[in-house]
Amino acid sequence: MGTYIAIYVEQRIGDEWYFVGQMVENEIHQYDPDDALEYRPDSIYDMQNYALFAILAGVRNDREELFMPIAPLRGLPDDLSAELQIWYNYVLFDEETGEFHTESLRASWLTLEELARFDWHGKRRKVYARVDKRVKHLFHPDSSPTWKDWPKDIPISYHHTSKDSPYCNAIWTETYAEAAGSFLTEILDGLLNVYGHTSDVRLVFDFH
């Protein structure tokens, strides 16, 4: 069963946290206009990058060489912005029992200061995989592969294996920054350019 992420941005002004982002139509409202919330906060990131999930909170951290998460799952903040509080109340409320099922939610949060301070480029881990034998020469245990040298007539693909698997024919080292991909280069860098290294802006996220 796959795991997905939703990430929202909040900013603290004075003593209050405010949602920073777009509110979009809740698709369920089209089919249930009487009971479903009309609008929902829009996630700023929706890629299924298990390496990033492991780095952010240790979720799906099940590869041969584990990632060191920035922080373990913290749950939702106690002082959520109004928009996120309404959204999570809606998501967690069980109409049949009339109760909130918070135990089923895997959520956490990190400030921009924490994310900026993390050593994305210095932390590394080994990757073990099976690749097309025609490209195994591109991989070396102590460096990242040069993806630009991958032959254009061979689709870029690999399958993770265990270190001791007889099918493992490629080992390489990747930085956490490389593993995080576009989250780092587009999402985090963009937020840091706007807000700087601050504890007054945080990312609230959940896995589902």
C-alpha atoms as a PDB file:
ATOM      1  CA  MET A   1       0.000   0.000   0.000  1.00  0.00           C
ATOM      2  CA  GLY A   2       1.434   3.360  -1.022  1.00  0.00           C
ATOM      3  CA  THR A   3       2.158   6.302   1.265  1.00  0.00           C
ATOM      4  CA  TYR A   4       1.537   9.916   0.314  1.00  0.00           C
ATOM      5  CA  ILE A   5       2.284  13.285   1.899  1.00  0.00           C
ATOM      6  CA  ALA A   6       0.545  16.623   2.221  1.00  0.00           C
ATOM      7  CA  ILE A   7       2.603  19.665   3.261  1.00  0.00           C
ATOM      8  CA  TYR A   8       1.249  23.025   4.402  1.00  0.00           C
ATOM      9  CA  VAL A   9       2.999  26.268   5.340  1.00  0.00           C
ATOM     10  CA  GLU A  10       2.198  28.364   8.405  1.00  0.00           C
ATOM     11  CA  GLN A  11       3.655  31.681   9.566  1.00  0.00           C
ATOM     12  CA  ARG A  12       3.678  33.019  13.098  1.00  0.00           C
ATOM     13  CA  ILE A  13       2.743  36.664  13.516  1.00  0.00           C
ATOM     14  CA  GLY A  14       2.793  37.747  17.126  1.00  0.00           C
ATOM     15  CA  ASP A  15       1.430  34.810  19.087  1.00  0.00           C
ATOM     16  CA  GLU A  16      -0.758  33.403  16.315  1.00  0.00           C
ATOM     17  CA  TRP A  17      -0.022  30.976  13.498  1.00  0.00           C
ATOM     18  CA  TYR A  18      -1.556  31.728  10.090  1.00  0.00           C
ATOM     19  CA  PHE A  19      -1.972  29.444   7.104  1.00  0.00           C
ATOM     20  CA  VAL A  20       0.126  30.588   4.130  1.00  0.00           C
ATOM     21  CA  GLY A  21      -1.186  29.116   0.923  1.00  0.00           C
ATOM     22  CA  GLN A  22      -4.184  28.578  -1.286  1.00  0.00           C
ATOM     23  CA  MET A  23      -7.587  27.259  -0.353  1.00  0.00           C
ATOM     24  CA  VAL A  24      -9.016  25.063  -3.111  1.00  0.00           C
ATOM     25  CA  GLU A  25     -12.312  23.308  -3.636  1.00  0.00           C
ATOM     26  CA  ASN A  26     -12.690  20.105  -1.685  1.00  0.00           C
ATOM     27  CA  GLU A  27     -13.500  17.545  -4.377  1.00  0.00           C
ATOM     28  CA  ILE A  28     -15.740  15.574  -2.013  1.00  0.00           C
ATOM     29  CA  HIS A  29     -17.994  18.634  -1.679  1.00  0.00           C
ATOM     30  CA  GLN A  30     -19.146  18.105  -5.279  1.00  0.00           C
ATOM     31  CA  TYR A  31     -20.703  14.795  -4.245  1.00  0.00           C
ATOM     32  CA  ASP A  32     -21.733  15.661  -0.709  1.00  0.00           C
ATOM     33  CA  PRO A  33     -22.511  19.405  -0.605  1.00  0.00           C
ATOM     34  CA  ASP A  34     -24.469  19.187   2.636  1.00  0.00           C
ATOM     35  CA  ASP A  35     -21.837  17.553   4.813  1.00  0.00           C
ATOM     36  CA  ALA A  36     -18.454  17.933   3.139  1.00  0.00           C
ATOM     37  CA  LEU A  37     -16.197  20.917   3.762  1.00  0.00           C
ATOM     38  CA  GLU A  38     -16.389  23.236   0.746  1.00  0.00           C
ATOM     39  CA  TYR A  39     -12.733  24.302   0.663  1.00  0.00           C
ATOM     40  CA  ARG A  40      -9.514  22.679   1.821  1.00  0.00           C
ATOM     41  CA  PRO A  41      -5.915  23.901   2.163  1.00  0.00           C
ATOM     42  CA  ASP A  42      -3.800  23.047  -0.870  1.00  0.00           C
ATOM     43  CA  SER A  43      -0.645  21.019  -0.284  1.00  0.00           C
ATOM     44  CA  ILE A  44       2.567  22.540  -1.653  1.00  0.00           C
ATOM     45  CA  TYR A  45       4.100  19.128  -2.377  1.00  0.00           C
ATOM     46  CA  ASP A  46       2.567  15.814  -3.395  1.00  0.00           C
ATOM     47  CA  MET A  47       5.354  13.661  -4.824  1.00  0.00           C
ATOM     48  CA  GLN A  48       5.683  10.097  -3.524  1.00  0.00           C
ATOM     49  CA  ASN A  49       9.331  10.349  -2.496  1.00  0.00           C
ATOM     50  CA  TYR A  50       9.904   7.771   0.241  1.00  0.00           C
ATOM     51  CA  ALA A  51      13.472   8.955   0.770  1.00  0.00           C
ATOM     52  CA  LEU A  52      12.145  12.414   1.658  1.00  0.00           C
ATOM     53  CA  PHE A  53       9.517  10.913   3.974  1.00  0.00           C
ATOM     54  CA  ALA A  54      12.293   9.068   5.813  1.00  0.00           C
ATOM     55  CA  ILE A  55      14.418  12.215   6.100  1.00  0.00           C
ATOM     56  CA  LEU A  56      11.591  14.418   7.367  1.00  0.00           C
ATOM     57  CA  ALA A  57      10.182  12.069   9.989  1.00  0.00           C
ATOM     58  CA  GLY A  58      11.460   8.498   9.660  1.00  0.00           C
ATOM     59  CA  VAL A  59       8.386   7.365   7.685  1.00  0.00           C
ATOM     60  CA  ARG A  60       8.978   4.587   5.102  1.00  0.00           C
ATOM     61  CA  ASN A  61      12.546   4.397   6.356  1.00  0.00           C
ATOM     62  CA  ASP A  62      12.980   0.805   5.227  1.00  0.00           C
ATOM     63  CA  ARG A  63      15.924   0.710   2.851  1.00  0.00           C
ATOM     64  CA  GLU A  64      19.122  -1.281   3.420  1.00  0.00           C
ATOM     65  CA  GLU A  65      20.917   1.765   4.849  1.00  0.00           C
ATOM     66  CA  LEU A  66      18.517   3.899   6.876  1.00  0.00           C
ATOM     67  CA  PHE A  67      18.217   7.670   6.731  1.00  0.00           C
ATOM     68  CA  MET A  68      18.728   9.706   9.879  1.00  0.00           C
ATOM     69  CA  PRO A  69      15.491  11.727  10.203  1.00  0.00           C
ATOM     70  CA  ILE A  70      15.523  15.412  11.084  1.00  0.00           C
ATOM     71  CA  ALA A  71      13.062  14.638  13.873  1.00  0.00           C
ATOM     72  CA  PRO A  72      10.715  11.763  14.748  1.00  0.00           C
ATOM     73  CA  LEU A  73       6.990  12.187  14.210  1.00  0.00           C
ATOM     74  CA  ARG A  74       5.786  14.976  16.509  1.00  0.00           C
ATOM     75  CA  GLY A  75       2.066  14.937  15.800  1.00  0.00           C
ATOM     76  CA  LEU A  76       0.145  18.077  14.938  1.00  0.00           C
ATOM     77  CA  PRO A  77       1.101  21.325  16.704  1.00  0.00           C
ATOM     78  CA  ASP A  78      -1.242  22.385  19.519  1.00  0.00           C
ATOM     79  CA  ASP A  79      -1.513  25.885  18.046  1.00  0.00           C
ATOM     80  CA  LEU A  80      -2.516  25.172  14.437  1.00  0.00           C
ATOM     81  CA  SER A  81      -3.799  27.951  12.204  1.00  0.00           C
ATOM     82  CA  ALA A  82      -7.579  28.150  11.899  1.00  0.00           C
ATOM     83  CA  GLU A  83      -7.646  26.737   8.373  1.00  0.00           C
ATOM     84  CA  LEU A  84      -5.553  23.692   9.235  1.00  0.00           C
ATOM     85  CA  GLN A  85      -7.423  23.077  12.476  1.00  0.00           C
ATOM     86  CA  ILE A  86     -10.730  23.021  10.596  1.00  0.00           C
ATOM     87  CA  TRP A  87      -9.278  20.774   7.902  1.00  0.00           C
ATOM     88  CA  TYR A  88      -7.810  18.196  10.279  1.00  0.00           C
ATOM     89  CA  ASN A  89     -10.961  18.187  12.395  1.00  0.00           C
ATOM     90  CA  TYR A  90     -12.874  17.379   9.226  1.00  0.00           C
ATOM     91  CA  VAL A  91     -10.436  14.659   8.154  1.00  0.00           C
ATOM     92  CA  LEU A  92     -10.271  12.967  11.557  1.00  0.00           C
ATOM     93  CA  PHE A  93     -13.938  13.112  12.521  1.00  0.00           C
ATOM     94  CA  ASP A  94     -15.788   9.799  12.305  1.00  0.00           C
ATOM     95  CA  GLU A  95     -19.479  10.432  11.653  1.00  0.00           C
ATOM     96  CA  GLU A  96     -20.469   6.942  12.747  1.00  0.00           C
ATOM     97  CA  THR A  97     -18.907   7.156  16.194  1.00  0.00           C
ATOM     98  CA  GLY A  98     -18.989  10.934  16.599  1.00  0.00           C
ATOM     99  CA  GLU A  99     -15.341  10.855  17.672  1.00  0.00           C
ATOM    100  CA  PHE A 100     -12.025  12.158  16.395  1.00  0.00           C
ATOM    101  CA  HIS A 101      -9.617   9.373  15.443  1.00  0.00           C
ATOM    102  CA  THR A 102      -6.311  11.136  15.979  1.00  0.00           C
ATOM    103  CA  GLU A 103      -4.460   7.857  16.561  1.00  0.00           C
ATOM    104  CA  SER A 104      -4.677   7.079  12.842  1.00  0.00           C
ATOM    105  CA  LEU A 105      -2.906  10.288  11.825  1.00  0.00           C
ATOM    106  CA  ARG A 106       0.824  10.320  11.132  1.00  0.00           C
ATOM    107  CA  ALA A 107       1.676  14.004  11.233  1.00  0.00           C
ATOM    108  CA  SER A 108       4.553  16.250  12.163  1.00  0.00           C
ATOM    109  CA  TRP A 109       6.025  19.695  11.667  1.00  0.00           C
ATOM    110  CA  LEU A 110       9.402  21.373  11.169  1.00  0.00           C
ATOM    111  CA  THR A 111      10.405  25.019  11.185  1.00  0.00           C
ATOM    112  CA  LEU A 112      12.342  26.605   8.352  1.00  0.00           C
ATOM    113  CA  GLU A 113      15.190  27.119  10.809  1.00  0.00           C
ATOM    114  CA  GLU A 114      15.370  23.376  11.485  1.00  0.00           C
ATOM    115  CA  LEU A 115      15.189  22.530   7.791  1.00  0.00           C
ATOM    116  CA  ALA A 116      17.854  25.096   6.878  1.00  0.00           C
ATOM    117  CA  ARG A 117      20.185  23.928   9.659  1.00  0.00           C
ATOM    118  CA  PHE A 118      20.007  20.296   8.583  1.00  0.00           C
ATOM    119  CA  ASP A 119      23.115  19.065   6.752  1.00  0.00           C
ATOM    120  CA  TRP A 120      21.419  18.014   3.499  1.00  0.00           C
ATOM    121  CA  HIS A 121      24.645  18.001   1.475  1.00  0.00           C
ATOM    122  CA  GLY A 122      26.942  16.546   4.119  1.00  0.00           C
ATOM    123  CA  LYS A 123      24.862  13.557   5.171  1.00  0.00           C
ATOM    124  CA  ARG A 124      25.174  10.562   2.860  1.00  0.00           C
ATOM    125  CA  ARG A 125      24.057   6.974   2.569  1.00  0.00           C
ATOM    126  CA  LYS A 126      24.814   3.961   0.409  1.00  0.00           C
ATOM    127  CA  VAL A 127      22.276   2.741  -2.158  1.00  0.00           C
ATOM    128  CA  TYR A 128      22.155  -0.874  -3.327  1.00  0.00           C
ATOM    129  CA  ALA A 129      20.323  -1.722  -6.529  1.00  0.00           C
ATOM    130  CA  ARG A 130      20.020  -3.784  -9.674  1.00  0.00           C
ATOM    131  CA  VAL A 131      20.511  -1.902 -12.925  1.00  0.00           C
ATOM    132  CA  ASP A 132      20.749  -2.759 -16.575  1.00  0.00           C
ATOM    133  CA  LYS A 133      24.148  -4.422 -16.982  1.00  0.00           C
ATOM    134  CA  ARG A 134      24.926  -2.025 -19.825  1.00  0.00           C
ATOM    135  CA  VAL A 135      25.074   0.912 -17.389  1.00  0.00           C
ATOM    136  CA  LYS A 136      26.517  -0.671 -14.246  1.00  0.00           C
ATOM    137  CA  HIS A 137      29.876   0.953 -15.015  1.00  0.00           C
ATOM    138  CA  LEU A 138      28.285   4.330 -14.179  1.00  0.00           C
ATOM    139  CA  PHE A 139      27.978   3.382 -10.507  1.00  0.00           C
ATOM    140  CA  HIS A 140      30.726   3.540  -7.888  1.00  0.00           C
ATOM    141  CA  PRO A 141      30.371   2.879  -4.152  1.00  0.00           C
ATOM    142  CA  ASP A 142      31.853   6.186  -2.998  1.00  0.00           C
ATOM    143  CA  SER A 143      30.216   8.639  -5.380  1.00  0.00           C
ATOM    144  CA  SER A 144      26.922   9.591  -6.957  1.00  0.00           C
ATOM    145  CA  PRO A 145      26.176   8.289 -10.454  1.00  0.00           C
ATOM    146  CA  THR A 146      26.548  10.668 -13.379  1.00  0.00           C
ATOM    147  CA  TRP A 147      22.979  10.434 -14.611  1.00  0.00           C
ATOM    148  CA  LYS A 148      23.763  12.695 -17.581  1.00  0.00           C
ATOM    149  CA  ASP A 149      26.027   9.945 -18.931  1.00  0.00           C
ATOM    150  CA  TRP A 150      23.181   7.418 -19.014  1.00  0.00           C
ATOM    151  CA  PRO A 151      22.745   6.271 -22.657  1.00  0.00           C
ATOM    152  CA  LYS A 152      19.725   7.898 -24.267  1.00  0.00           C
ATOM    153  CA  ASP A 153      18.503   4.629 -25.767  1.00  0.00           C
ATOM    154  CA  ILE A 154      18.246   2.930 -22.342  1.00  0.00           C
ATOM    155  CA  PRO A 155      15.414   3.985 -19.999  1.00  0.00           C
ATOM    156  CA  ILE A 156      16.668   5.298 -16.659  1.00  0.00           C
ATOM    157  CA  SER A 157      15.558   2.806 -14.040  1.00  0.00           C
ATOM    158  CA  TYR A 158      16.841   0.754 -11.120  1.00  0.00           C
ATOM    159  CA  HIS A 159      15.415  -1.529  -8.477  1.00  0.00           C
ATOM    160  CA  HIS A 160      16.476  -1.340  -4.846  1.00  0.00           C
ATOM    161  CA  THR A 161      17.966  -4.518  -3.420  1.00  0.00           C
ATOM    162  CA  SER A 162      19.588  -5.591  -0.195  1.00  0.00           C
ATOM    163  CA  LYS A 163      23.344  -5.321   0.173  1.00  0.00           C
ATOM    164  CA  ASP A 164      23.751  -9.091   0.066  1.00  0.00           C
ATOM    165  CA  SER A 165      21.294  -9.769  -2.729  1.00  0.00           C
ATOM    166  CA  PRO A 166      22.701 -11.800  -5.650  1.00  0.00           C
ATOM    167  CA  TYR A 167      20.876  -9.365  -7.927  1.00  0.00           C
ATOM    168  CA  CYS A 168      22.716  -6.303  -6.615  1.00  0.00           C
ATOM    169  CA  ASN A 169      25.076  -5.063  -9.316  1.00  0.00           C
ATOM    170  CA  ALA A 170      25.251  -1.349  -8.485  1.00  0.00           C
ATOM    171  CA  ILE A 171      26.296   0.486  -5.319  1.00  0.00           C
ATOM    172  CA  TRP A 172      26.563   4.224  -5.028  1.00  0.00           C
ATOM    173  CA  THR A 173      26.563   7.021  -2.448  1.00  0.00           C
ATOM    174  CA  GLU A 174      23.940   9.736  -2.483  1.00  0.00           C
ATOM    175  CA  THR A 175      23.588  12.846  -0.362  1.00  0.00           C
ATOM    176  CA  TYR A 176      20.369  13.556   1.477  1.00  0.00           C
ATOM    177  CA  ALA A 177      19.989  16.546  -0.847  1.00  0.00           C
ATOM    178  CA  GLU A 178      20.040  14.269  -3.882  1.00  0.00           C
ATOM    179  CA  ALA A 179      17.546  11.931  -2.249  1.00  0.00           C
ATOM    180  CA  ALA A 180      15.185  14.814  -1.407  1.00  0.00           C
ATOM    181  CA  GLY A 181      15.139  15.957  -5.032  1.00  0.00           C
ATOM    182  CA  SER A 182      12.769  18.757  -5.991  1.00  0.00           C
ATOM    183  CA  PHE A 183      11.569  19.281  -2.412  1.00  0.00           C
ATOM    184  CA  LEU A 184      14.952  20.820  -1.635  1.00  0.00           C
ATOM    185  CA  THR A 185      15.624  22.662  -4.884  1.00  0.00           C
ATOM    186  CA  GLU A 186      12.122  24.010  -5.450  1.00  0.00           C
ATOM    187  CA  ILE A 187      10.080  23.981  -2.240  1.00  0.00           C
ATOM    188  CA  LEU A 188      12.580  24.552   0.559  1.00  0.00           C
ATOM    189  CA  ASP A 189      14.924  26.870  -1.349  1.00  0.00           C
ATOM    190  CA  GLY A 190      11.933  28.915  -2.486  1.00  0.00           C
ATOM    191  CA  LEU A 191      10.629  29.322   1.061  1.00  0.00           C
ATOM    192  CA  LEU A 192      14.072  30.231   2.387  1.00  0.00           C
ATOM    193  CA  ASN A 193      14.431  32.885  -0.294  1.00  0.00           C
ATOM    194  CA  VAL A 194      11.165  34.469   0.842  1.00  0.00           C
ATOM    195  CA  TYR A 195      11.307  34.053   4.629  1.00  0.00           C
ATOM    196  CA  GLY A 196      14.933  33.296   5.492  1.00  0.00           C
ATOM    197  CA  HIS A 197      16.143  30.954   8.248  1.00  0.00           C
ATOM    198  CA  THR A 198      13.354  31.550  10.725  1.00  0.00           C
ATOM    199  CA  SER A 199      11.465  29.664  13.400  1.00  0.00           C
ATOM    200  CA  ASP A 200       8.389  31.791  12.648  1.00  0.00           C
ATOM    201  CA  VAL A 201       7.580  29.744   9.541  1.00  0.00           C
ATOM    202  CA  ARG A 202       6.944  26.019   9.696  1.00  0.00           C
ATOM    203  CA  LEU A 203       5.863  23.147   7.519  1.00  0.00           C
ATOM    204  CA  VAL A 204       3.010  21.027   8.849  1.00  0.00           C
ATOM    205  CA  PHE A 205       2.709  17.690   7.096  1.00  0.00           C
ATOM    206  CA  ASP A 206       0.900  14.382   7.283  1.00  0.00           C
ATOM    207  CA  PHE A 207       1.366  10.968   5.721  1.00  0.00           C
ATOM    208  CA  HIS A 208      -1.603   9.018   4.449  1.00  0.00           C
END
